[in-house]
Every structure is written in structure tokens, then in C-alpha cells.
Amino acid sequence: MTDYRPIKIADVVACNKTSEIFKVMVVRDTELSVYNHNHERHTLALNNVRLATDHDRVLFSQKHPDTCPFCLTSGIEGGFIEISEGKALQESWCGSCGYEWVSEYGLSAISKLNEVA
């Protein structure tokens, strides 16, 4: 048996054509009333938005690392960082909405600290 749960409008996260993520507050006939991670209200036409994907959430997290990619609040916490096989993994969660995920980090640059004789 499938476990269904009611979906509240505030659970839905939409993405516009510029890949910015918005929290949906009100759905009208042809538009959405939404807010962004800065809690600024916007109105978006329904034909200009789609549901956010996991890839959208990754892009959002790269731009806004201190903001939850699920509820758009700043309640992110993280556990210990585990380094393994060329990457670093960290269990992360949102203290506001309760979502949990694993953040994965990779090497992007090397900076020399000192000269070797």
C-alpha cells in the first residue's frame, strides 16, 4: 500500500527560467504568488515556472550555501565532514523544515602554502 500524505502549497518549490527557486504560497488561475530566499514576494505566470528538480536544488545551494534548498530558510545544520575517494561528504539538515540530505564537496583549486627547499 502506498503511503500518501497531503501536499500543502507551502511544500511546493517552483523554479523560473533563470533557475531561481521560489516557495509557492498561493496558486491562482494563471499565476503563482511566491517568495524567494530573501523573503521577497513575487508573482510568476504559470507558464514561466516548473517544479524544482534535484539539479535545481544543487545549483541553488551553490549560490546560497546557507539556505535550505527545500524550504528556503537559513536553518541549515551539518554533521562531521567525511573525506573519502577524492570527495568530502557531510550530512546536512534543515532545523526549520526537517529535510535531510548529504552535501558532496569536490576539489576545485590548490593553493600553495609555502615554498619547499
C-alpha atoms as a PDB file:
ATOM      1  CA  MET A   1       0.000   0.000   0.000  1.00  0.00           C
ATOM      2  CA  THR A   2       1.355   3.434  -0.958  1.00  0.00           C
ATOM      3  CA  ASP A   3       1.630   5.955   1.851  1.00  0.00           C
ATOM      4  CA  TYR A   4       0.140   9.228   0.607  1.00  0.00           C
ATOM      5  CA  ARG A   5       0.411  12.451   2.524  1.00  0.00           C
ATOM      6  CA  PRO A   6      -1.468  15.648   1.790  1.00  0.00           C
ATOM      7  CA  ILE A   7       0.603  18.242  -0.052  1.00  0.00           C
ATOM      8  CA  LYS A   8       0.398  21.757   1.292  1.00  0.00           C
ATOM      9  CA  ILE A   9       1.010  24.614  -1.136  1.00  0.00           C
ATOM     10  CA  ALA A  10       3.936  25.751   1.056  1.00  0.00           C
ATOM     11  CA  ASP A  11       5.631  22.366   0.367  1.00  0.00           C
ATOM     12  CA  VAL A  12       5.890  23.138  -3.343  1.00  0.00           C
ATOM     13  CA  VAL A  13       9.040  24.763  -4.668  1.00  0.00           C
ATOM     14  CA  ALA A  14       8.951  26.249  -8.164  1.00  0.00           C
ATOM     15  CA  CYS A  15      11.756  27.248 -10.483  1.00  0.00           C
ATOM     16  CA  ASN A  16      11.643  30.006 -13.102  1.00  0.00           C
ATOM     17  CA  LYS A  17      13.504  30.221 -16.410  1.00  0.00           C
ATOM     18  CA  THR A  18      16.617  31.691 -14.725  1.00  0.00           C
ATOM     19  CA  SER A  19      16.792  28.688 -12.347  1.00  0.00           C
ATOM     20  CA  GLU A  20      15.967  30.711  -9.255  1.00  0.00           C
ATOM     21  CA  ILE A  21      13.947  28.729  -6.712  1.00  0.00           C
ATOM     22  CA  PHE A  22      10.794  30.128  -5.118  1.00  0.00           C
ATOM     23  CA  LYS A  23       8.473  28.903  -2.379  1.00  0.00           C
ATOM     24  CA  VAL A  24       4.867  28.807  -3.601  1.00  0.00           C
ATOM     25  CA  MET A  25       2.333  30.454  -1.311  1.00  0.00           C
ATOM     26  CA  VAL A  26      -0.833  30.944  -3.396  1.00  0.00           C
ATOM     27  CA  VAL A  27      -1.925  29.416  -6.708  1.00  0.00           C
ATOM     28  CA  ARG A  28      -4.339  31.445  -8.804  1.00  0.00           C
ATOM     29  CA  ASP A  29      -5.827  30.694 -12.231  1.00  0.00           C
ATOM     30  CA  THR A  30      -2.841  31.881 -14.264  1.00  0.00           C
ATOM     31  CA  GLU A  31      -0.194  32.854 -11.722  1.00  0.00           C
ATOM     32  CA  LEU A  32       1.623  31.929  -8.539  1.00  0.00           C
ATOM     33  CA  SER A  33       2.263  34.122  -5.535  1.00  0.00           C
ATOM     34  CA  VAL A  34       5.753  33.148  -4.344  1.00  0.00           C
ATOM     35  CA  TYR A  35       8.672  34.313  -2.229  1.00  0.00           C
ATOM     36  CA  ASN A  36      12.395  33.837  -2.731  1.00  0.00           C
ATOM     37  CA  HIS A  37      15.200  33.061  -0.271  1.00  0.00           C
ATOM     38  CA  ASN A  38      15.284  36.763   0.756  1.00  0.00           C
ATOM     39  CA  HIS A  39      11.551  36.530   1.576  1.00  0.00           C
ATOM     40  CA  GLU A  40      10.725  38.955  -1.245  1.00  0.00           C
ATOM     41  CA  ARG A  41       7.255  38.361  -2.708  1.00  0.00           C
ATOM     42  CA  HIS A  42       6.875  37.854  -6.451  1.00  0.00           C
ATOM     43  CA  THR A  43       4.082  36.942  -8.832  1.00  0.00           C
ATOM     44  CA  LEU A  44       5.000  34.482 -11.576  1.00  0.00           C
ATOM     45  CA  ALA A  45       2.937  33.421 -14.579  1.00  0.00           C
ATOM     46  CA  LEU A  46       2.176  29.694 -14.505  1.00  0.00           C
ATOM     47  CA  ASN A  47       3.622  29.212 -17.994  1.00  0.00           C
ATOM     48  CA  ASN A  48       7.009  30.545 -16.792  1.00  0.00           C
ATOM     49  CA  VAL A  49       7.579  28.143 -13.888  1.00  0.00           C
ATOM     50  CA  ARG A  50       8.080  24.444 -13.251  1.00  0.00           C
ATOM     51  CA  LEU A  51       8.645  22.287 -10.198  1.00  0.00           C
ATOM     52  CA  ALA A  52      12.212  22.457  -8.919  1.00  0.00           C
ATOM     53  CA  THR A  53      14.348  19.371  -9.588  1.00  0.00           C
ATOM     54  CA  ASP A  54      17.248  17.981  -7.544  1.00  0.00           C
ATOM     55  CA  HIS A  55      19.604  19.607 -10.065  1.00  0.00           C
ATOM     56  CA  ASP A  56      17.900  22.977  -9.466  1.00  0.00           C
ATOM     57  CA  ARG A  57      18.427  22.488  -5.728  1.00  0.00           C
ATOM     58  CA  VAL A  58      22.145  21.814  -6.251  1.00  0.00           C
ATOM     59  CA  LEU A  59      22.523  24.965  -8.349  1.00  0.00           C
ATOM     60  CA  PHE A  60      20.573  26.918  -5.726  1.00  0.00           C
ATOM     61  CA  SER A  61      22.788  25.572  -2.919  1.00  0.00           C
ATOM     62  CA  GLN A  62      25.920  26.593  -4.816  1.00  0.00           C
ATOM     63  CA  LYS A  63      24.613  30.176  -4.997  1.00  0.00           C
ATOM     64  CA  HIS A  64      23.068  30.240  -1.499  1.00  0.00           C
ATOM     65  CA  PRO A  65      25.013  27.735   0.674  1.00  0.00           C
ATOM     66  CA  ASP A  66      23.420  28.864   3.950  1.00  0.00           C
ATOM     67  CA  THR A  67      19.819  28.488   2.727  1.00  0.00           C
ATOM     68  CA  CYS A  68      17.776  25.289   2.771  1.00  0.00           C
ATOM     69  CA  PRO A  69      17.043  24.224  -0.840  1.00  0.00           C
ATOM     70  CA  PHE A  70      13.691  22.774   0.280  1.00  0.00           C
ATOM     71  CA  CYS A  71      12.047  25.471   2.428  1.00  0.00           C
ATOM     72  CA  LEU A  72      14.310  28.480   1.656  1.00  0.00           C
ATOM     73  CA  THR A  73      15.091  29.309   5.295  1.00  0.00           C
ATOM     74  CA  SER A  74      18.533  29.745   6.826  1.00  0.00           C
ATOM     75  CA  GLY A  75      18.214  26.907   9.360  1.00  0.00           C
ATOM     76  CA  ILE A  76      20.848  24.571   7.838  1.00  0.00           C
ATOM     77  CA  GLU A  77      22.997  22.459  10.133  1.00  0.00           C
ATOM     78  CA  GLY A  78      25.653  19.892   9.299  1.00  0.00           C
ATOM     79  CA  GLY A  79      27.473  16.960  10.820  1.00  0.00           C
ATOM     80  CA  PHE A  80      31.099  15.939  10.588  1.00  0.00           C
ATOM     81  CA  ILE A  81      32.765  16.040   7.179  1.00  0.00           C
ATOM     82  CA  GLU A  82      33.965  12.647   5.945  1.00  0.00           C
ATOM     83  CA  ILE A  83      36.715  12.639   3.317  1.00  0.00           C
ATOM     84  CA  SER A  84      36.753   9.615   1.055  1.00  0.00           C
ATOM     85  CA  GLU A  85      37.746   8.761  -2.522  1.00  0.00           C
ATOM     86  CA  GLY A  86      38.545  12.305  -3.616  1.00  0.00           C
ATOM     87  CA  LYS A  87      35.444  13.944  -2.209  1.00  0.00           C
ATOM     88  CA  ALA A  88      34.114  15.215   1.081  1.00  0.00           C
ATOM     89  CA  LEU A  89      30.633  14.255   2.308  1.00  0.00           C
ATOM     90  CA  GLN A  90      28.593  15.945   5.003  1.00  0.00           C
ATOM     91  CA  GLU A  91      25.178  15.010   6.337  1.00  0.00           C
ATOM     92  CA  SER A  92      23.107  18.178   6.339  1.00  0.00           C
ATOM     93  CA  TRP A  93      19.638  19.018   7.584  1.00  0.00           C
ATOM     94  CA  CYS A  94      17.298  21.934   7.979  1.00  0.00           C
ATOM     95  CA  GLY A  95      16.279  22.823  11.508  1.00  0.00           C
ATOM     96  CA  SER A  96      13.193  24.596  10.145  1.00  0.00           C
ATOM     97  CA  CYS A  97      11.579  22.004   7.849  1.00  0.00           C
ATOM     98  CA  GLY A  98      13.372  18.793   8.869  1.00  0.00           C
ATOM     99  CA  TYR A  99      14.653  17.752   5.413  1.00  0.00           C
ATOM    100  CA  GLU A 100      17.920  15.814   5.456  1.00  0.00           C
ATOM    101  CA  TRP A 101      20.445  15.375   2.649  1.00  0.00           C
ATOM    102  CA  VAL A 102      24.123  14.662   2.004  1.00  0.00           C
ATOM    103  CA  SER A 103      26.237  17.551   0.726  1.00  0.00           C
ATOM    104  CA  GLU A 104      29.103  16.463  -1.511  1.00  0.00           C
ATOM    105  CA  TYR A 105      32.193  18.630  -1.987  1.00  0.00           C
ATOM    106  CA  GLY A 106      34.979  18.224  -4.540  1.00  0.00           C
ATOM    107  CA  LEU A 107      38.410  19.744  -5.092  1.00  0.00           C
ATOM    108  CA  SER A 108      38.193  22.951  -7.131  1.00  0.00           C
ATOM    109  CA  ALA A 109      41.636  24.535  -6.558  1.00  0.00           C
ATOM    110  CA  ILE A 110      45.019  24.025  -4.940  1.00  0.00           C
ATOM    111  CA  SER A 111      46.822  26.921  -3.225  1.00  0.00           C
ATOM    112  CA  LYS A 112      50.479  26.703  -2.278  1.00  0.00           C
ATOM    113  CA  LEU A 113      51.046  27.430   1.425  1.00  0.00           C
ATOM    114  CA  ASN A 114      54.833  27.547   1.499  1.00  0.00           C
ATOM    115  CA  GLU A 115      57.974  27.021  -0.561  1.00  0.00           C
ATOM    116  CA  VAL A 116      59.715  23.657  -0.325  1.00  0.00           C
ATOM    117  CA  ALA A 117      63.519  23.886  -0.091  1.00  0.00           C
END
